[in-house]
Amino acid sequence: MKVVAIIPAYNEEKTIREVVTKVKNYVDEVIVIDDGSTDRTYQEAQESGAMVLSHLINRGQGAAIQTGIFYALKNNADVLVTFDADGQFVPEEIPIVIKPILEKKVDVVLGSRFLKLNQIPTLKKVFLRGAIIFTRFTSGLSLSDTHNGFRAFSRNAAEKILISQDRMAHASEILNKIAALKLSYLEVPVTLKYLPYHRQKTQGVFDYCKILFDLFLGRMIKS
């Protein structure tokens, strides 16, 4: 089975080369979507051996992932792994995440930082706990982590889930569609590193409010 990693990246020239180099050891192909970066993200990803797609403007992580999914499906991917470009995830855990799909046990595997001992910043933890409650209320899914970019889809699931939320609200949208489409899923523990570089990029209160607004607006448009 062809396993493809999809890595959305925006101004990640410091980390993308190392991420791609390590991820390549566990998948058949790495697709990096340069989401309108203004630094050397495109060049670094390309030189590290990834297939690099490019957005002319910064559209957001959700849009970048969907671009990668379209390309991967067109090029015969059987298992699609989404992975962050900032080095926060551990590539060595990819086999754990994709195993249930390779064994045809589930359609979707979701990484969870709360099933493993991770040092999570306080504000991040508060938002994530709120997101868990929100997701349970809106989708009925009972999960331990709802905004984790480390996940895997079978081809069947990737073909059915169409991401319309361009930015960070896509994470909740994916979960809502898993529930609506009645796709089988499983959570597995994954490691998240919160180093100084990652803490600098941690979302603030305004960012979290924007995610909730995007989700609310999306539901209003559909209703």
Foldseek 3Di string as FASTA:
>chain_A
DAEEEEEEDAQQLPFQLVVLLLLVVPGVAYEYEHQCHPDCNQVSNVVSPHHYHYDVHRQADLQSVLVVLVVCVVVPHFKYWYDYRNPFFDSVCVCVQCVCVVVVNFFKEAEDQVVDDADDDPVVVVLQVVVQVVLCVQQVDRDRGQQDRTMMGGNVLSVQQRQPQRYSLSSSSSSNSCRVVVTGYYYDYTGGDCDVVNVVVDDDPVVSVVSVVSVVVVVVVVD
